[in-house]
Amino acid sequence: MRKIKRKSRSATLKEIYPAIAEYVSGWGWIEVGRDEMNRSFVRALDDGGLVWESPSKTRSADMAFEALEAALKKIMTQNA
């Protein structure tokens, strides 16, 4: 799990998850939460559809966002 250095202000999304911040700023969007149509907790999508989804048994939001960060880094590097 990522350790966040506490400062006098809260850390930004871009500081904690730079790949996620870049992705939602121009590549696509993310969806968070389960519903009757999706078993995953976090999904990354673009105009072409689903790009990545967390495993259905992800134990925490922290784990899901760590996995999303790593996946998006790889995806954006491959497609740059």
N, C-alpha and C. Protein backbone atom coordinates (compact mmCIF):
# COMPACT_ATOMS: atom_id res chain seq x y z
N MET A 1 0.83 -1.17 0.00
CA MET A 1 0.00 0.00 0.00
C MET A 1 0.88 1.24 0.00
N ARG A 2 0.49 2.23 -0.77
CA ARG A 2 1.26 3.46 -0.93
C ARG A 2 1.20 4.29 0.35
N LYS A 3 2.35 4.73 0.82
CA LYS A 3 2.42 5.62 1.98
C LYS A 3 2.36 7.06 1.49
N ILE A 4 1.49 7.84 2.07
CA ILE A 4 1.32 9.23 1.69
C ILE A 4 1.99 10.10 2.73
N LYS A 5 2.89 10.95 2.28
CA LYS A 5 3.53 11.88 3.20
C LYS A 5 2.52 12.96 3.55
N ARG A 6 2.29 13.14 4.81
CA ARG A 6 1.33 14.16 5.26
C ARG A 6 2.03 15.50 5.37
N LYS A 7 1.46 16.48 4.76
CA LYS A 7 1.95 17.84 4.82
C LYS A 7 0.85 18.68 5.45
N SER A 8 1.03 19.96 5.43
CA SER A 8 0.00 20.83 5.98
C SER A 8 -1.23 20.87 5.09
N ARG A 9 -1.15 20.38 3.88
CA ARG A 9 -2.29 20.32 2.99
C ARG A 9 -2.51 18.87 2.55
N SER A 10 -3.66 18.62 2.02
CA SER A 10 -3.96 17.27 1.52
C SER A 10 -3.24 17.04 0.21
N ALA A 11 -2.83 15.81 -0.01
CA ALA A 11 -2.19 15.45 -1.28
C ALA A 11 -3.24 15.44 -2.38
N THR A 12 -2.82 15.80 -3.56
CA THR A 12 -3.74 15.79 -4.71
C THR A 12 -3.75 14.41 -5.35
N LEU A 13 -4.77 14.17 -6.14
CA LEU A 13 -4.86 12.92 -6.89
C LEU A 13 -3.63 12.76 -7.79
N LYS A 14 -3.22 13.86 -8.41
CA LYS A 14 -2.07 13.82 -9.31
C LYS A 14 -0.79 13.43 -8.58
N GLU A 15 -0.65 13.81 -7.33
CA GLU A 15 0.52 13.44 -6.54
C GLU A 15 0.49 11.98 -6.11
N ILE A 16 -0.68 11.49 -5.78
CA ILE A 16 -0.82 10.12 -5.28
C ILE A 16 -0.89 9.12 -6.43
N TYR A 17 -1.69 9.42 -7.45
CA TYR A 17 -1.92 8.53 -8.58
C TYR A 17 -1.73 9.30 -9.89
N PRO A 18 -0.50 9.55 -10.28
CA PRO A 18 -0.27 10.37 -11.48
C PRO A 18 -0.83 9.76 -12.77
N ALA A 19 -0.78 8.46 -12.92
CA ALA A 19 -1.29 7.84 -14.15
C ALA A 19 -2.81 7.95 -14.23
N ILE A 20 -3.49 7.78 -13.11
CA ILE A 20 -4.94 7.92 -13.09
C ILE A 20 -5.32 9.36 -13.44
N ALA A 21 -4.63 10.32 -12.84
CA ALA A 21 -4.92 11.73 -13.12
C ALA A 21 -4.71 12.05 -14.60
N GLU A 22 -3.64 11.53 -15.18
CA GLU A 22 -3.40 11.77 -16.61
C GLU A 22 -4.47 11.09 -17.46
N TYR A 23 -4.84 9.87 -17.10
CA TYR A 23 -5.84 9.13 -17.87
C TYR A 23 -7.17 9.88 -17.93
N VAL A 24 -7.66 10.35 -16.79
CA VAL A 24 -8.96 11.02 -16.77
C VAL A 24 -8.89 12.44 -17.32
N SER A 25 -7.68 12.94 -17.57
CA SER A 25 -7.52 14.28 -18.14
C SER A 25 -7.48 14.27 -19.66
N GLY A 26 -7.63 13.11 -20.28
CA GLY A 26 -7.61 13.13 -21.73
C GLY A 26 -7.71 11.78 -22.41
N TRP A 27 -7.45 10.71 -21.70
CA TRP A 27 -7.49 9.39 -22.32
C TRP A 27 -8.88 8.75 -22.23
N GLY A 28 -9.52 8.89 -21.08
CA GLY A 28 -10.80 8.24 -20.86
C GLY A 28 -11.35 8.59 -19.50
N TRP A 29 -12.09 7.66 -18.89
CA TRP A 29 -12.68 7.91 -17.59
C TRP A 29 -12.65 6.63 -16.77
N ILE A 30 -12.89 6.78 -15.48
CA ILE A 30 -12.98 5.62 -14.61
C ILE A 30 -14.35 5.58 -13.96
N GLU A 31 -14.78 4.38 -13.62
CA GLU A 31 -16.02 4.17 -12.89
C GLU A 31 -15.66 3.42 -11.62
N VAL A 32 -16.29 3.80 -10.53
CA VAL A 32 -16.02 3.19 -9.23
C VAL A 32 -17.33 2.70 -8.64
N GLY A 33 -17.33 1.46 -8.18
CA GLY A 33 -18.51 0.90 -7.52
C GLY A 33 -19.03 -0.32 -8.24
N ARG A 34 -19.72 -1.13 -7.49
CA ARG A 34 -20.32 -2.34 -8.05
C ARG A 34 -21.79 -2.08 -8.34
N ASP A 35 -22.29 -2.76 -9.35
CA ASP A 35 -23.72 -2.71 -9.66
C ASP A 35 -24.13 -4.05 -10.22
N GLU A 36 -25.37 -4.17 -10.63
CA GLU A 36 -25.85 -5.47 -11.11
C GLU A 36 -25.23 -5.89 -12.44
N MET A 37 -24.61 -4.94 -13.16
CA MET A 37 -24.02 -5.26 -14.45
C MET A 37 -22.51 -5.53 -14.37
N ASN A 38 -21.84 -5.08 -13.30
CA ASN A 38 -20.39 -5.20 -13.20
C ASN A 38 -19.99 -5.80 -11.86
N ARG A 39 -19.14 -6.79 -11.89
CA ARG A 39 -18.64 -7.39 -10.65
C ARG A 39 -17.37 -6.70 -10.16
N SER A 40 -16.71 -5.98 -11.05
CA SER A 40 -15.49 -5.29 -10.66
C SER A 40 -15.84 -4.06 -9.84
N PHE A 41 -14.86 -3.58 -9.07
CA PHE A 41 -15.07 -2.39 -8.23
C PHE A 41 -14.63 -1.12 -8.96
N VAL A 42 -13.55 -1.22 -9.75
CA VAL A 42 -13.03 -0.08 -10.50
C VAL A 42 -12.85 -0.50 -11.95
N ARG A 43 -13.27 0.40 -12.87
CA ARG A 43 -13.12 0.13 -14.29
C ARG A 43 -12.55 1.37 -14.97
N ALA A 44 -11.69 1.16 -15.95
CA ALA A 44 -11.19 2.25 -16.80
C ALA A 44 -11.77 2.03 -18.18
N LEU A 45 -12.31 3.11 -18.75
CA LEU A 45 -12.95 3.04 -20.06
C LEU A 45 -12.45 4.17 -20.94
N ASP A 46 -12.62 3.98 -22.24
CA ASP A 46 -12.38 5.06 -23.19
C ASP A 46 -13.48 4.98 -24.24
N ASP A 47 -13.37 5.75 -25.28
CA ASP A 47 -14.43 5.76 -26.30
C ASP A 47 -14.64 4.40 -26.95
N GLY A 48 -13.64 3.53 -26.89
CA GLY A 48 -13.76 2.19 -27.45
C GLY A 48 -14.35 1.17 -26.50
N GLY A 49 -14.55 1.55 -25.24
CA GLY A 49 -15.13 0.63 -24.27
C GLY A 49 -14.21 0.37 -23.09
N LEU A 50 -14.35 -0.81 -22.52
CA LEU A 50 -13.60 -1.20 -21.32
C LEU A 50 -12.12 -1.38 -21.65
N VAL A 51 -11.27 -0.72 -20.87
CA VAL A 51 -9.82 -0.82 -21.04
C VAL A 51 -9.22 -1.72 -19.96
N TRP A 52 -9.76 -1.62 -18.74
CA TRP A 52 -9.24 -2.40 -17.61
C TRP A 52 -10.32 -2.46 -16.54
N GLU A 53 -10.35 -3.58 -15.79
CA GLU A 53 -11.24 -3.66 -14.63
C GLU A 53 -10.55 -4.43 -13.52
N SER A 54 -10.85 -4.05 -12.29
CA SER A 54 -10.26 -4.72 -11.14
C SER A 54 -10.87 -6.12 -11.01
N PRO A 55 -10.14 -7.03 -10.38
CA PRO A 55 -10.70 -8.35 -10.13
C PRO A 55 -11.97 -8.23 -9.27
N SER A 56 -12.88 -9.15 -9.44
CA SER A 56 -14.15 -9.07 -8.72
C SER A 56 -13.99 -9.20 -7.21
N LYS A 57 -12.92 -9.82 -6.76
CA LYS A 57 -12.73 -10.01 -5.32
C LYS A 57 -11.68 -9.07 -4.74
N THR A 58 -11.56 -7.88 -5.29
CA THR A 58 -10.64 -6.89 -4.74
C THR A 58 -11.06 -6.57 -3.32
N ARG A 59 -10.09 -6.62 -2.38
CA ARG A 59 -10.43 -6.50 -0.96
C ARG A 59 -10.64 -5.07 -0.48
N SER A 60 -10.10 -4.10 -1.17
CA SER A 60 -10.25 -2.73 -0.69
C SER A 60 -10.14 -1.74 -1.86
N ALA A 61 -10.64 -0.55 -1.64
CA ALA A 61 -10.51 0.50 -2.65
C ALA A 61 -9.04 0.84 -2.86
N ASP A 62 -8.25 0.84 -1.79
CA ASP A 62 -6.82 1.13 -1.92
C ASP A 62 -6.15 0.14 -2.87
N MET A 63 -6.44 -1.13 -2.69
CA MET A 63 -5.84 -2.15 -3.57
C MET A 63 -6.30 -1.96 -5.01
N ALA A 64 -7.56 -1.62 -5.20
CA ALA A 64 -8.10 -1.44 -6.55
C ALA A 64 -7.43 -0.25 -7.23
N PHE A 65 -7.25 0.86 -6.51
CA PHE A 65 -6.63 2.03 -7.11
C PHE A 65 -5.14 1.82 -7.36
N GLU A 66 -4.45 1.08 -6.50
CA GLU A 66 -3.04 0.75 -6.75
C GLU A 66 -2.92 -0.07 -8.03
N ALA A 67 -3.80 -1.05 -8.20
CA ALA A 67 -3.79 -1.89 -9.40
C ALA A 67 -4.14 -1.07 -10.64
N LEU A 68 -5.11 -0.17 -10.51
CA LEU A 68 -5.48 0.70 -11.63
C LEU A 68 -4.32 1.59 -12.02
N GLU A 69 -3.65 2.18 -11.05
CA GLU A 69 -2.49 3.04 -11.34
C GLU A 69 -1.44 2.28 -12.14
N ALA A 70 -1.10 1.08 -11.70
CA ALA A 70 -0.09 0.27 -12.40
C ALA A 70 -0.55 -0.10 -13.81
N ALA A 71 -1.81 -0.49 -13.95
CA ALA A 71 -2.33 -0.89 -15.26
C ALA A 71 -2.35 0.29 -16.22
N LEU A 72 -2.78 1.45 -15.75
CA LEU A 72 -2.85 2.61 -16.64
C LEU A 72 -1.46 3.09 -17.05
N LYS A 73 -0.49 3.01 -16.16
CA LYS A 73 0.90 3.35 -16.54
C LYS A 73 1.33 2.50 -17.72
N LYS A 74 1.07 1.21 -17.62
CA LYS A 74 1.47 0.28 -18.67
C LYS A 74 0.70 0.54 -19.96
N ILE A 75 -0.60 0.72 -19.86
CA ILE A 75 -1.44 0.96 -21.03
C ILE A 75 -1.04 2.24 -21.74
N MET A 76 -0.84 3.31 -20.99
CA MET A 76 -0.51 4.59 -21.61
C MET A 76 0.90 4.57 -22.21
N THR A 77 1.83 3.85 -21.61
CA THR A 77 3.17 3.72 -22.17
C THR A 77 3.13 2.96 -23.49
N GLN A 78 2.36 1.89 -23.54
CA GLN A 78 2.24 1.09 -24.75
C GLN A 78 1.55 1.83 -25.88
N ASN A 79 0.65 2.75 -25.54
CA ASN A 79 -0.15 3.44 -26.55
C ASN A 79 0.24 4.88 -26.76
N ALA A 80 1.39 5.28 -26.24
CA ALA A 80 1.83 6.69 -26.39
C ALA A 80 2.34 6.95 -27.80
